[in-house]
Amino acid sequence: MVHFQHVLVPVAEEKDARTTCSALRPFLEGTERVTAVHIIEKGGGAPDKAPLEKRREDASNFLAIVDSTLSSSIAVDTRTVFATDMVPALFSEAADVGADAIVFRARGGSRINRILAGNITTNLVTNPTVPVVSLPDSDS
């Protein structure tokens, strides 16, 4: 198996932060650093989904879960990013922090939700600028 020294890990919300950490933990051997990132999606002129301060507070809480869960065994950095398009933002952040790969846990959702929202997973693995690794469900 390939080991990456530094991985970028996107987290979407509280449950995702916990399940992603659980799925990631068995694969951290040889990894020196994890950078967890939460993207606050901006509407590009459309009204925001929630007040900005609430979204920042939520992001801080989600990232704190990653830090408290993993920092006893590995160096953890956290970042909050504002972007209108998540996938380019993730690759940009990976480049900015020098991550060797983006490691994520695919999130569920109905087929219609994925079509309407744009399938981030598909876009993430299409023409990546760094390796992209999908973690198995931690329940598997």
Foldseek 3Di string as FASTA:
>chain_A
DDAWQEEEEEAEAQVQLVQFLLLCVVRCVNHAEYEYEYEQADQPPDDGPDDPVVVVVRQVVSQVSNCVSPVVPHHYHYYYHYYNDPQVVSLVVCVVVVTQEYEYEQDDDDPVVCVVVPPSVVVNCPPHPHHYHYTDGSVD
